[in-house]
Amino acid sequence: STMYADSVKGRFTISGDNAKNRVY
């Protein structure tokens, strides 16, 4: 599950890749 600041909701998306040790 994800949470966002109100100012960015609907525009920003957080995601991650454990295989690459990376978050976007």
PDB file of all heavy atoms in Angstrom:
ATOM      1  N   SER A   1       0.852  -1.189   0.000  1.00  0.00           N
ATOM      2  CA  SER A   1       0.000   0.000   0.000  1.00  0.00           C
ATOM      3  C   SER A   1       0.886   1.236   0.000  1.00  0.00           C
ATOM      4  O   SER A   1       2.031   1.202   0.444  1.00  0.00           O
ATOM      5  CB  SER A   1      -0.899   0.008   1.233  1.00  0.00           C
ATOM      6  OG  SER A   1      -1.790  -1.065   1.207  1.00  0.00           O
ATOM      7  N   THR A   2       0.343   2.317  -0.496  1.00  0.00           N
ATOM      8  CA  THR A   2       1.119   3.542  -0.612  1.00  0.00           C
ATOM      9  C   THR A   2       0.371   4.727  -0.018  1.00  0.00           C
ATOM     10  O   THR A   2      -0.852   4.692   0.117  1.00  0.00           O
ATOM     11  CB  THR A   2       1.425   3.857  -2.086  1.00  0.00           C
ATOM     12  OG1 THR A   2       0.197   3.874  -2.824  1.00  0.00           O
ATOM     13  CG2 THR A   2       2.349   2.804  -2.689  1.00  0.00           C
ATOM     14  N   MET A   3       1.129   5.735   0.372  1.00  0.00           N
ATOM     15  CA  MET A   3       0.521   6.991   0.804  1.00  0.00           C
ATOM     16  C   MET A   3       1.279   8.144   0.158  1.00  0.00           C
ATOM     17  O   MET A   3       2.488   8.022  -0.110  1.00  0.00           O
ATOM     18  CB  MET A   3       0.494   7.131   2.316  1.00  0.00           C
ATOM     19  CG  MET A   3       1.823   7.403   2.998  1.00  0.00           C
ATOM     20  SD  MET A   3       2.401   9.135   2.921  1.00  0.00           S
ATOM     21  CE  MET A   3       1.205   9.939   3.927  1.00  0.00           C
ATOM     22  N   TYR A   4       0.563   9.226  -0.097  1.00  0.00           N
ATOM     23  CA  TYR A   4       1.138  10.379  -0.764  1.00  0.00           C
ATOM     24  C   TYR A   4       0.705  11.652  -0.051  1.00  0.00           C
ATOM     25  O   TYR A   4      -0.367  11.723   0.538  1.00  0.00           O
ATOM     26  CB  TYR A   4       0.658  10.457  -2.220  1.00  0.00           C
ATOM     27  CG  TYR A   4       1.041   9.256  -3.045  1.00  0.00           C
ATOM     28  CD1 TYR A   4       0.200   8.162  -3.165  1.00  0.00           C
ATOM     29  CD2 TYR A   4       2.271   9.217  -3.703  1.00  0.00           C
ATOM     30  CE1 TYR A   4       0.567   7.058  -3.901  1.00  0.00           C
ATOM     31  CE2 TYR A   4       2.640   8.125  -4.448  1.00  0.00           C
ATOM     32  CZ  TYR A   4       1.787   7.039  -4.547  1.00  0.00           C
ATOM     33  OH  TYR A   4       2.152   5.945  -5.282  1.00  0.00           O
ATOM     34  N   ALA A   5       1.572  12.649  -0.157  1.00  0.00           N
ATOM     35  CA  ALA A   5       1.171  13.971   0.303  1.00  0.00           C
ATOM     36  C   ALA A   5      -0.019  14.437  -0.531  1.00  0.00           C
ATOM     37  O   ALA A   5      -0.113  14.112  -1.720  1.00  0.00           O
ATOM     38  CB  ALA A   5       2.331  14.944   0.155  1.00  0.00           C
ATOM     39  N   ASP A   6      -0.929  15.174   0.075  1.00  0.00           N
ATOM     40  CA  ASP A   6      -2.116  15.641  -0.642  1.00  0.00           C
ATOM     41  C   ASP A   6      -1.745  16.422  -1.901  1.00  0.00           C
ATOM     42  O   ASP A   6      -2.439  16.341  -2.913  1.00  0.00           O
ATOM     43  CB  ASP A   6      -2.962  16.528   0.278  1.00  0.00           C
ATOM     44  CG  ASP A   6      -3.682  15.739   1.349  1.00  0.00           C
ATOM     45  OD1 ASP A   6      -3.790  14.494   1.216  1.00  0.00           O
ATOM     46  OD2 ASP A   6      -4.126  16.345   2.334  1.00  0.00           O
ATOM     47  N   SER A   7      -0.646  17.136  -1.841  1.00  0.00           N
ATOM     48  CA  SER A   7      -0.252  17.997  -2.945  1.00  0.00           C
ATOM     49  C   SER A   7       0.188  17.223  -4.190  1.00  0.00           C
ATOM     50  O   SER A   7       0.264  17.807  -5.280  1.00  0.00           O
ATOM     51  CB  SER A   7       0.876  18.936  -2.509  1.00  0.00           C
ATOM     52  OG  SER A   7       1.968  18.194  -2.001  1.00  0.00           O
ATOM     53  N   VAL A   8       0.473  15.925  -4.037  1.00  0.00           N
ATOM     54  CA  VAL A   8       0.959  15.145  -5.189  1.00  0.00           C
ATOM     55  C   VAL A   8       0.040  13.979  -5.546  1.00  0.00           C
ATOM     56  O   VAL A   8       0.303  13.268  -6.520  1.00  0.00           O
ATOM     57  CB  VAL A   8       2.394  14.616  -4.954  1.00  0.00           C
ATOM     58  CG1 VAL A   8       3.323  15.754  -4.547  1.00  0.00           C
ATOM     59  CG2 VAL A   8       2.420  13.504  -3.923  1.00  0.00           C
ATOM     60  N   LYS A   9      -1.008  13.777  -4.777  1.00  0.00           N
ATOM     61  CA  LYS A   9      -1.913  12.655  -5.044  1.00  0.00           C
ATOM     62  C   LYS A   9      -2.467  12.721  -6.459  1.00  0.00           C
ATOM     63  O   LYS A   9      -2.882  13.782  -6.921  1.00  0.00           O
ATOM     64  CB  LYS A   9      -3.075  12.670  -4.045  1.00  0.00           C
ATOM     65  CG  LYS A   9      -2.758  12.042  -2.714  1.00  0.00           C
ATOM     66  CD  LYS A   9      -3.971  12.087  -1.786  1.00  0.00           C
ATOM     67  CE  LYS A   9      -3.629  11.541  -0.414  1.00  0.00           C
ATOM     68  NZ  LYS A   9      -4.753  11.671   0.536  1.00  0.00           N
ATOM     69  N   GLY A  10      -2.464  11.559  -7.114  1.00  0.00           N
ATOM     70  CA  GLY A  10      -2.976  11.487  -8.476  1.00  0.00           C
ATOM     71  C   GLY A  10      -1.951  11.866  -9.529  1.00  0.00           C
ATOM     72  O   GLY A  10      -2.186  11.672 -10.720  1.00  0.00           O
ATOM     73  N   ARG A  11      -0.807  12.406  -9.101  1.00  0.00           N
ATOM     74  CA  ARG A  11       0.232  12.808 -10.058  1.00  0.00           C
ATOM     75  C   ARG A  11       1.529  12.022  -9.881  1.00  0.00           C
ATOM     76  O   ARG A  11       2.245  11.791 -10.850  1.00  0.00           O
ATOM     77  CB  ARG A  11       0.528  14.310  -9.904  1.00  0.00           C
ATOM     78  CG  ARG A  11      -0.671  15.197 -10.135  1.00  0.00           C
ATOM     79  CD  ARG A  11      -0.276  16.676 -10.134  1.00  0.00           C
ATOM     80  NE  ARG A  11       0.262  17.125  -8.869  1.00  0.00           N
ATOM     81  CZ  ARG A  11       1.485  17.633  -8.717  1.00  0.00           C
ATOM     82  NH1 ARG A  11       2.286  17.757  -9.764  1.00  0.00           N
ATOM     83  NH2 ARG A  11       1.911  18.032  -7.523  1.00  0.00           N
ATOM     84  N   PHE A  12       1.833  11.636  -8.658  1.00  0.00           N
ATOM     85  CA  PHE A  12       3.073  10.925  -8.361  1.00  0.00           C
ATOM     86  C   PHE A  12       2.767   9.465  -8.026  1.00  0.00           C
ATOM     87  O   PHE A  12       1.730   9.165  -7.421  1.00  0.00           O
ATOM     88  CB  PHE A  12       3.790  11.545  -7.161  1.00  0.00           C
ATOM     89  CG  PHE A  12       4.411  12.900  -7.408  1.00  0.00           C
ATOM     90  CD1 PHE A  12       4.107  13.657  -8.523  1.00  0.00           C
ATOM     91  CD2 PHE A  12       5.325  13.412  -6.489  1.00  0.00           C
ATOM     92  CE1 PHE A  12       4.678  14.893  -8.735  1.00  0.00           C
ATOM     93  CE2 PHE A  12       5.906  14.656  -6.690  1.00  0.00           C
ATOM     94  CZ  PHE A  12       5.568  15.398  -7.815  1.00  0.00           C
ATOM     95  N   THR A  13       3.705   8.584  -8.377  1.00  0.00           N
ATOM     96  CA  THR A  13       3.561   7.162  -8.066  1.00  0.00           C
ATOM     97  C   THR A  13       4.896   6.615  -7.575  1.00  0.00           C
ATOM     98  O   THR A  13       5.912   6.770  -8.252  1.00  0.00           O
ATOM     99  CB  THR A  13       3.109   6.367  -9.298  1.00  0.00           C
ATOM    100  OG1 THR A  13       1.886   6.904  -9.794  1.00  0.00           O
ATOM    101  CG2 THR A  13       2.900   4.900  -8.939  1.00  0.00           C
ATOM    102  N   ILE A  14       4.865   5.984  -6.421  1.00  0.00           N
ATOM    103  CA  ILE A  14       6.063   5.338  -5.886  1.00  0.00           C
ATOM    104  C   ILE A  14       6.010   3.854  -6.222  1.00  0.00           C
ATOM    105  O   ILE A  14       4.950   3.232  -6.177  1.00  0.00           O
ATOM    106  CB  ILE A  14       6.172   5.565  -4.356  1.00  0.00           C
ATOM    107  CG1 ILE A  14       7.506   5.045  -3.815  1.00  0.00           C
ATOM    108  CG2 ILE A  14       4.998   4.939  -3.607  1.00  0.00           C
ATOM    109  CD1 ILE A  14       7.768   5.407  -2.356  1.00  0.00           C
ATOM    110  N   SER A  15       7.165   3.309  -6.593  1.00  0.00           N
ATOM    111  CA  SER A  15       7.246   1.877  -6.896  1.00  0.00           C
ATOM    112  C   SER A  15       8.637   1.398  -6.545  1.00  0.00           C
ATOM    113  O   SER A  15       9.544   2.198  -6.322  1.00  0.00           O
ATOM    114  CB  SER A  15       6.929   1.603  -8.370  1.00  0.00           C
ATOM    115  OG  SER A  15       7.881   2.239  -9.208  1.00  0.00           O
ATOM    116  N   GLY A  16       8.795   0.081  -6.505  1.00  0.00           N
ATOM    117  CA  GLY A  16      10.085  -0.448  -6.107  1.00  0.00           C
ATOM    118  C   GLY A  16      10.434  -1.725  -6.828  1.00  0.00           C
ATOM    119  O   GLY A  16       9.564  -2.400  -7.389  1.00  0.00           O
ATOM    120  N   ASP A  17      11.713  -2.040  -6.802  1.00  0.00           N
ATOM    121  CA  ASP A  17      12.238  -3.238  -7.442  1.00  0.00           C
ATOM    122  C   ASP A  17      13.270  -3.845  -6.506  1.00  0.00           C
ATOM    123  O   ASP A  17      14.400  -3.359  -6.436  1.00  0.00           O
ATOM    124  CB  ASP A  17      12.853  -2.874  -8.794  1.00  0.00           C
ATOM    125  CG  ASP A  17      13.282  -4.088  -9.590  1.00  0.00           C
ATOM    126  OD1 ASP A  17      13.525  -5.154  -8.981  1.00  0.00           O
ATOM    127  OD2 ASP A  17      13.396  -3.972 -10.814  1.00  0.00           O
ATOM    128  N   ASN A  18      12.881  -4.889  -5.786  1.00  0.00           N
ATOM    129  CA  ASN A  18      13.813  -5.508  -4.840  1.00  0.00           C
ATOM    130  C   ASN A  18      15.010  -6.126  -5.539  1.00  0.00           C
ATOM    131  O   ASN A  18      16.113  -6.137  -4.990  1.00  0.00           O
ATOM    132  CB  ASN A  18      13.100  -6.567  -4.004  1.00  0.00           C
ATOM    133  CG  ASN A  18      12.315  -5.964  -2.857  1.00  0.00           C
ATOM    134  OD1 ASN A  18      12.587  -4.848  -2.410  1.00  0.00           O
ATOM    135  ND2 ASN A  18      11.333  -6.696  -2.361  1.00  0.00           N
ATOM    136  N   ALA A  19      14.829  -6.633  -6.741  1.00  0.00           N
ATOM    137  CA  ALA A  19      15.934  -7.265  -7.456  1.00  0.00           C
ATOM    138  C   ALA A  19      17.042  -6.267  -7.785  1.00  0.00           C
ATOM    139  O   ALA A  19      18.215  -6.619  -7.867  1.00  0.00           O
ATOM    140  CB  ALA A  19      15.418  -7.914  -8.734  1.00  0.00           C
ATOM    141  N   LYS A  20      16.659  -4.994  -7.953  1.00  0.00           N
ATOM    142  CA  LYS A  20      17.634  -3.958  -8.301  1.00  0.00           C
ATOM    143  C   LYS A  20      17.977  -3.061  -7.120  1.00  0.00           C
ATOM    144  O   LYS A  20      18.751  -2.115  -7.265  1.00  0.00           O
ATOM    145  CB  LYS A  20      17.102  -3.099  -9.454  1.00  0.00           C
ATOM    146  CG  LYS A  20      16.925  -3.857 -10.755  1.00  0.00           C
ATOM    147  CD  LYS A  20      16.438  -2.929 -11.859  1.00  0.00           C
ATOM    148  CE  LYS A  20      16.319  -3.684 -13.171  1.00  0.00           C
ATOM    149  NZ  LYS A  20      15.829  -2.807 -14.268  1.00  0.00           N
ATOM    150  N   ASN A  21      17.389  -3.336  -5.955  1.00  0.00           N
ATOM    151  CA  ASN A  21      17.598  -2.473  -4.778  1.00  0.00           C
ATOM    152  C   ASN A  21      17.269  -1.018  -5.108  1.00  0.00           C
ATOM    153  O   ASN A  21      18.006  -0.089  -4.751  1.00  0.00           O
ATOM    154  CB  ASN A  21      19.046  -2.557  -4.270  1.00  0.00           C
ATOM    155  CG  ASN A  21      19.309  -3.836  -3.509  1.00  0.00           C
ATOM    156  OD1 ASN A  21      18.471  -4.735  -3.478  1.00  0.00           O
ATOM    157  ND2 ASN A  21      20.461  -3.925  -2.897  1.00  0.00           N
ATOM    158  N   ARG A  22      16.151  -0.826  -5.745  1.00  0.00           N
ATOM    159  CA  ARG A  22      15.845   0.504  -6.256  1.00  0.00           C
ATOM    160  C   ARG A  22      14.376   0.862  -5.995  1.00  0.00           C
ATOM    161  O   ARG A  22      13.500  -0.003  -6.084  1.00  0.00           O
ATOM    162  CB  ARG A  22      16.154   0.552  -7.746  1.00  0.00           C
ATOM    163  CG  ARG A  22      16.382   1.928  -8.328  1.00  0.00           C
ATOM    164  CD  ARG A  22      16.798   1.800  -9.774  1.00  0.00           C
ATOM    165  NE  ARG A  22      18.128   1.212  -9.906  1.00  0.00           N
ATOM    166  CZ  ARG A  22      18.648   0.819 -11.060  1.00  0.00           C
ATOM    167  NH1 ARG A  22      17.937   0.932 -12.173  1.00  0.00           N
ATOM    168  NH2 ARG A  22      19.858   0.308 -11.112  1.00  0.00           N
ATOM    169  N   VAL A  23      14.148   2.119  -5.715  1.00  0.00           N
ATOM    170  CA  VAL A  23      12.796   2.646  -5.582  1.00  0.00           C
ATOM    171  C   VAL A  23      12.662   3.836  -6.519  1.00  0.00           C
ATOM    172  O   VAL A  23      13.602   4.629  -6.668  1.00  0.00           O
ATOM    173  CB  VAL A  23      12.490   3.056  -4.134  1.00  0.00           C
ATOM    174  CG1 VAL A  23      11.166   3.791  -4.028  1.00  0.00           C
ATOM    175  CG2 VAL A  23      12.449   1.822  -3.248  1.00  0.00           C
ATOM    176  N   TYR A  24      11.491   3.959  -7.128  1.00  0.00           N
ATOM    177  CA  TYR A  24      11.252   5.002  -8.112  1.00  0.00           C
ATOM    178  C   TYR A  24      10.165   5.957  -7.628  1.00  0.00           C
ATOM    179  O   TYR A  24       9.298   5.593  -6.825  1.00  0.00           O
ATOM    180  CB  TYR A  24      10.812   4.386  -9.434  1.00  0.00           C
ATOM    181  CG  TYR A  24      11.772   3.375  -9.983  1.00  0.00           C
ATOM    182  CD1 TYR A  24      11.558   2.009  -9.796  1.00  0.00           C
ATOM    183  CD2 TYR A  24      12.905   3.764 -10.696  1.00  0.00           C
ATOM    184  CE1 TYR A  24      12.434   1.073 -10.295  1.00  0.00           C
ATOM    185  CE2 TYR A  24      13.791   2.831 -11.203  1.00  0.00           C
ATOM    186  CZ  TYR A  24      13.560   1.485 -10.999  1.00  0.00           C
ATOM    187  OH  TYR A  24      14.435   0.562 -11.485  1.00  0.00           O
TER     188      TYR A  24
END
